[in-house]
Amino acid sequence: MRGDVHDPDLNRLSITVGEVRTSPDLRVATAYVLPLGGQGQDEVLKLLARNKGELRRVVAKKLALKFAPDLRFQLDETFDRMDDTRRMLNQDAVRRDLDD
């Protein structure tokens, strides 16, 4: 979708969409996003919200949908949770328990 949105502030960013979850009736799609390098997270959420209508039209067109879902954006915390889990598993006490 890069370049399809006409907001230069949004187009200059690289944003990873880790996951999209839809409501059972497909009326709402929540995209879990993270800017490249993790910097400027608040700015990314504001820019995506500001461009939600245009993004919604692009999604409907690209997926050939009659009705596009309402788009919502949240920060993807998957990588943070993975780092926390890695740190936990590397603790001496945990490694000792796992070795038993």
N, C-alpha and C. Protein backbone atom coordinates (compact mmCIF):
# COMPACT_ATOMS: atom_id res chain seq x y z
N MET A 1 0.82 -1.19 0.00
CA MET A 1 0.00 0.00 0.00
C MET A 1 0.87 1.26 0.00
N ARG A 2 2.15 1.11 0.14
CA ARG A 2 3.03 2.27 0.19
C ARG A 2 2.78 3.14 -1.04
N GLY A 3 2.62 4.43 -0.81
CA GLY A 3 2.41 5.36 -1.90
C GLY A 3 0.94 5.57 -2.25
N ASP A 4 0.05 4.73 -1.77
CA ASP A 4 -1.37 4.88 -2.07
C ASP A 4 -2.02 5.96 -1.23
N VAL A 5 -1.43 6.29 -0.10
CA VAL A 5 -1.96 7.32 0.78
C VAL A 5 -1.19 8.60 0.49
N HIS A 6 -1.90 9.71 0.42
CA HIS A 6 -1.28 10.95 -0.03
C HIS A 6 -0.78 11.84 1.09
N ASP A 7 -0.57 11.29 2.25
CA ASP A 7 -0.04 12.06 3.37
C ASP A 7 1.47 11.88 3.40
N PRO A 8 2.23 12.93 3.08
CA PRO A 8 3.69 12.79 3.04
C PRO A 8 4.29 12.40 4.39
N ASP A 9 3.66 12.82 5.49
CA ASP A 9 4.17 12.45 6.82
C ASP A 9 4.06 10.94 7.04
N LEU A 10 2.99 10.34 6.56
CA LEU A 10 2.80 8.90 6.70
C LEU A 10 3.63 8.13 5.67
N ASN A 11 3.72 8.65 4.47
CA ASN A 11 4.47 7.96 3.41
C ASN A 11 5.96 7.87 3.69
N ARG A 12 6.50 8.77 4.50
CA ARG A 12 7.94 8.74 4.77
C ARG A 12 8.31 7.68 5.79
N LEU A 13 7.33 7.06 6.44
CA LEU A 13 7.59 6.08 7.49
C LEU A 13 7.50 4.65 6.98
N SER A 14 8.28 3.78 7.60
CA SER A 14 8.15 2.34 7.37
C SER A 14 7.46 1.75 8.58
N ILE A 15 6.33 1.14 8.34
CA ILE A 15 5.50 0.62 9.42
C ILE A 15 5.27 -0.87 9.19
N THR A 16 5.52 -1.66 10.21
CA THR A 16 5.26 -3.09 10.15
C THR A 16 3.87 -3.36 10.73
N VAL A 17 3.09 -4.11 9.98
CA VAL A 17 1.79 -4.58 10.48
C VAL A 17 2.00 -6.04 10.84
N GLY A 18 2.08 -6.31 12.14
CA GLY A 18 2.35 -7.66 12.61
C GLY A 18 1.15 -8.58 12.53
N GLU A 19 -0.02 -8.01 12.70
CA GLU A 19 -1.24 -8.81 12.75
C GLU A 19 -2.44 -7.90 12.54
N VAL A 20 -3.49 -8.46 11.98
CA VAL A 20 -4.77 -7.76 11.89
C VAL A 20 -5.84 -8.72 12.40
N ARG A 21 -6.59 -8.24 13.38
CA ARG A 21 -7.68 -9.05 13.94
C ARG A 21 -8.99 -8.38 13.56
N THR A 22 -9.94 -9.19 13.12
CA THR A 22 -11.25 -8.65 12.75
C THR A 22 -12.29 -9.12 13.75
N SER A 23 -13.32 -8.31 13.88
CA SER A 23 -14.46 -8.72 14.70
C SER A 23 -15.18 -9.84 13.96
N PRO A 24 -15.97 -10.64 14.67
CA PRO A 24 -16.67 -11.76 14.01
C PRO A 24 -17.55 -11.33 12.83
N ASP A 25 -18.12 -10.14 12.91
CA ASP A 25 -18.97 -9.67 11.81
C ASP A 25 -18.19 -8.91 10.74
N LEU A 26 -16.87 -8.84 10.88
CA LEU A 26 -15.96 -8.18 9.93
C LEU A 26 -16.17 -6.67 9.80
N ARG A 27 -16.85 -6.07 10.77
CA ARG A 27 -17.09 -4.63 10.71
C ARG A 27 -15.91 -3.82 11.25
N VAL A 28 -15.07 -4.45 12.08
CA VAL A 28 -13.93 -3.76 12.67
C VAL A 28 -12.68 -4.59 12.44
N ALA A 29 -11.62 -3.94 11.98
CA ALA A 29 -10.32 -4.59 11.82
C ALA A 29 -9.31 -3.80 12.64
N THR A 30 -8.66 -4.48 13.57
CA THR A 30 -7.64 -3.84 14.40
C THR A 30 -6.28 -4.29 13.89
N ALA A 31 -5.49 -3.32 13.45
CA ALA A 31 -4.14 -3.59 12.95
C ALA A 31 -3.14 -3.31 14.05
N TYR A 32 -2.29 -4.29 14.32
CA TYR A 32 -1.23 -4.14 15.32
C TYR A 32 0.03 -3.73 14.57
N VAL A 33 0.48 -2.52 14.84
CA VAL A 33 1.54 -1.90 14.05
C VAL A 33 2.73 -1.51 14.90
N LEU A 34 3.87 -1.36 14.23
CA LEU A 34 5.09 -0.90 14.89
C LEU A 34 5.94 -0.19 13.85
N PRO A 35 6.37 1.05 14.15
CA PRO A 35 7.25 1.73 13.21
C PRO A 35 8.63 1.07 13.20
N LEU A 36 9.29 1.15 12.06
CA LEU A 36 10.63 0.59 11.93
C LEU A 36 11.54 1.16 13.01
N GLY A 37 12.20 0.29 13.74
CA GLY A 37 13.08 0.72 14.82
C GLY A 37 12.36 1.04 16.12
N GLY A 38 11.03 1.01 16.10
CA GLY A 38 10.26 1.26 17.32
C GLY A 38 10.16 2.71 17.74
N GLN A 39 10.78 3.62 16.99
CA GLN A 39 10.76 5.04 17.35
C GLN A 39 9.53 5.73 16.78
N GLY A 40 8.99 6.69 17.53
CA GLY A 40 7.87 7.48 17.04
C GLY A 40 6.54 6.75 17.07
N GLN A 41 6.35 5.90 18.05
CA GLN A 41 5.13 5.09 18.09
C GLN A 41 3.86 5.94 18.21
N ASP A 42 3.89 6.95 19.05
CA ASP A 42 2.71 7.80 19.22
C ASP A 42 2.40 8.55 17.92
N GLU A 43 3.45 9.02 17.24
CA GLU A 43 3.25 9.73 15.98
C GLU A 43 2.62 8.81 14.94
N VAL A 44 3.08 7.58 14.87
CA VAL A 44 2.54 6.63 13.90
C VAL A 44 1.05 6.38 14.15
N LEU A 45 0.68 6.19 15.40
CA LEU A 45 -0.74 5.96 15.71
C LEU A 45 -1.58 7.17 15.32
N LYS A 46 -1.08 8.38 15.58
CA LYS A 46 -1.81 9.60 15.22
C LYS A 46 -1.94 9.73 13.70
N LEU A 47 -0.85 9.45 12.97
CA LEU A 47 -0.90 9.56 11.51
C LEU A 47 -1.84 8.52 10.91
N LEU A 48 -1.80 7.31 11.41
CA LEU A 48 -2.71 6.28 10.90
C LEU A 48 -4.16 6.65 11.19
N ALA A 49 -4.42 7.15 12.38
CA ALA A 49 -5.79 7.57 12.72
C ALA A 49 -6.23 8.72 11.83
N ARG A 50 -5.34 9.66 11.57
CA ARG A 50 -5.65 10.82 10.74
C ARG A 50 -5.98 10.39 9.30
N ASN A 51 -5.36 9.31 8.85
CA ASN A 51 -5.55 8.83 7.48
C ASN A 51 -6.46 7.61 7.39
N LYS A 52 -7.20 7.34 8.45
CA LYS A 52 -8.02 6.13 8.52
C LYS A 52 -9.01 6.03 7.36
N GLY A 53 -9.66 7.10 7.00
CA GLY A 53 -10.64 7.06 5.91
C GLY A 53 -10.01 6.68 4.59
N GLU A 54 -8.88 7.29 4.27
CA GLU A 54 -8.20 6.99 3.02
C GLU A 54 -7.65 5.56 3.03
N LEU A 55 -7.10 5.14 4.16
CA LEU A 55 -6.60 3.76 4.27
C LEU A 55 -7.74 2.76 4.11
N ARG A 56 -8.88 3.09 4.67
CA ARG A 56 -10.04 2.22 4.56
C ARG A 56 -10.47 2.06 3.10
N ARG A 57 -10.47 3.15 2.36
CA ARG A 57 -10.82 3.08 0.93
C ARG A 57 -9.81 2.23 0.15
N VAL A 58 -8.52 2.37 0.47
CA VAL A 58 -7.48 1.59 -0.21
C VAL A 58 -7.66 0.10 0.09
N VAL A 59 -7.92 -0.23 1.34
CA VAL A 59 -8.12 -1.64 1.72
C VAL A 59 -9.33 -2.21 0.98
N ALA A 60 -10.42 -1.48 0.94
CA ALA A 60 -11.63 -1.96 0.26
C ALA A 60 -11.36 -2.19 -1.22
N LYS A 61 -10.62 -1.29 -1.83
CA LYS A 61 -10.32 -1.40 -3.26
C LYS A 61 -9.37 -2.57 -3.54
N LYS A 62 -8.31 -2.68 -2.75
CA LYS A 62 -7.32 -3.75 -2.98
C LYS A 62 -7.91 -5.13 -2.73
N LEU A 63 -8.82 -5.24 -1.76
CA LEU A 63 -9.40 -6.54 -1.43
C LEU A 63 -10.74 -6.76 -2.11
N ALA A 64 -11.16 -5.82 -2.93
CA ALA A 64 -12.43 -5.91 -3.65
C ALA A 64 -13.59 -6.19 -2.70
N LEU A 65 -13.64 -5.43 -1.62
CA LEU A 65 -14.71 -5.57 -0.65
C LEU A 65 -15.84 -4.61 -0.95
N LYS A 66 -17.05 -5.05 -0.74
CA LYS A 66 -18.20 -4.16 -0.90
C LYS A 66 -18.24 -3.15 0.24
N PHE A 67 -17.97 -3.64 1.45
CA PHE A 67 -17.92 -2.77 2.62
C PHE A 67 -16.58 -2.95 3.31
N ALA A 68 -15.93 -1.86 3.59
CA ALA A 68 -14.64 -1.93 4.28
C ALA A 68 -14.86 -1.88 5.78
N PRO A 69 -14.06 -2.63 6.53
CA PRO A 69 -14.20 -2.57 7.99
C PRO A 69 -13.69 -1.24 8.54
N ASP A 70 -14.19 -0.87 9.69
CA ASP A 70 -13.65 0.28 10.40
C ASP A 70 -12.24 -0.12 10.85
N LEU A 71 -11.26 0.72 10.56
CA LEU A 71 -9.88 0.40 10.91
C LEU A 71 -9.51 1.01 12.25
N ARG A 72 -8.86 0.21 13.06
CA ARG A 72 -8.32 0.68 14.34
C ARG A 72 -6.87 0.26 14.40
N PHE A 73 -6.08 1.04 15.10
CA PHE A 73 -4.65 0.78 15.15
C PHE A 73 -4.18 0.73 16.59
N GLN A 74 -3.37 -0.30 16.88
CA GLN A 74 -2.77 -0.45 18.20
C GLN A 74 -1.31 -0.82 18.00
N LEU A 75 -0.49 -0.48 18.99
CA LEU A 75 0.92 -0.84 18.93
C LEU A 75 1.07 -2.35 19.07
N ASP A 76 1.93 -2.92 18.26
CA ASP A 76 2.24 -4.35 18.33
C ASP A 76 3.32 -4.54 19.40
N GLU A 77 2.96 -5.22 20.47
CA GLU A 77 3.89 -5.42 21.58
C GLU A 77 4.50 -6.82 21.56
N THR A 78 4.33 -7.54 20.46
CA THR A 78 4.82 -8.90 20.36
C THR A 78 6.33 -8.98 20.59
N PHE A 79 7.08 -8.08 19.96
CA PHE A 79 8.53 -8.13 20.08
C PHE A 79 8.98 -7.83 21.51
N ASP A 80 8.31 -6.91 22.18
CA ASP A 80 8.63 -6.62 23.58
C ASP A 80 8.38 -7.84 24.45
N ARG A 81 7.27 -8.53 24.22
CA ARG A 81 6.96 -9.73 25.01
C ARG A 81 7.97 -10.83 24.73
N MET A 82 8.40 -10.96 23.48
CA MET A 82 9.41 -11.97 23.15
C MET A 82 10.73 -11.65 23.85
N ASP A 83 11.13 -10.38 23.87
CA ASP A 83 12.35 -9.99 24.58
C ASP A 83 12.24 -10.28 26.06
N ASP A 84 11.09 -9.98 26.66
CA ASP A 84 10.88 -10.26 28.09
C ASP A 84 10.99 -11.76 28.37
N THR A 85 10.40 -12.56 27.50
CA THR A 85 10.45 -14.02 27.68
C THR A 85 11.88 -14.52 27.55
N ARG A 86 12.61 -14.00 26.57
CA ARG A 86 14.01 -14.39 26.39
C ARG A 86 14.84 -14.05 27.64
N ARG A 87 14.63 -12.84 28.18
CA ARG A 87 15.36 -12.43 29.39
C ARG A 87 15.01 -13.36 30.56
N MET A 88 13.76 -13.69 30.69
CA MET A 88 13.33 -14.56 31.78
C MET A 88 13.98 -15.94 31.64
N LEU A 89 13.97 -16.48 30.43
CA LEU A 89 14.53 -17.82 30.22
C LEU A 89 16.04 -17.85 30.39
N ASN A 90 16.70 -16.70 30.27
CA ASN A 90 18.15 -16.63 30.43
C ASN A 90 18.59 -16.41 31.88
N GLN A 91 17.65 -16.24 32.79
CA GLN A 91 18.03 -16.09 34.20
C GLN A 91 18.61 -17.40 34.71
N ASP A 92 19.62 -17.28 35.55
CA ASP A 92 20.30 -18.48 36.07
C ASP A 92 19.33 -19.45 36.73
N ALA A 93 18.44 -18.94 37.58
CA ALA A 93 17.51 -19.81 38.30
C ALA A 93 16.60 -20.56 37.33
N VAL A 94 16.15 -19.90 36.28
CA VAL A 94 15.26 -20.54 35.31
C VAL A 94 16.03 -21.57 34.50
N ARG A 95 17.23 -21.21 34.06
CA ARG A 95 18.03 -22.18 33.29
C ARG A 95 18.34 -23.42 34.13
N ARG A 96 18.63 -23.19 35.40
CA ARG A 96 18.92 -24.31 36.30
C ARG A 96 17.69 -25.22 36.41
N ASP A 97 16.50 -24.62 36.54
CA ASP A 97 15.28 -25.42 36.62
C ASP A 97 15.01 -26.17 35.31
N LEU A 98 15.30 -25.54 34.21
CA LEU A 98 15.05 -26.18 32.93
C LEU A 98 16.02 -27.33 32.67
N ASP A 99 17.23 -27.20 33.20
CA ASP A 99 18.22 -28.26 33.01
C ASP A 99 17.89 -29.51 33.81
N ASP A 100 17.12 -29.34 34.88
CA ASP A 100 16.77 -30.51 35.71
C ASP A 100 15.80 -31.35 35.00
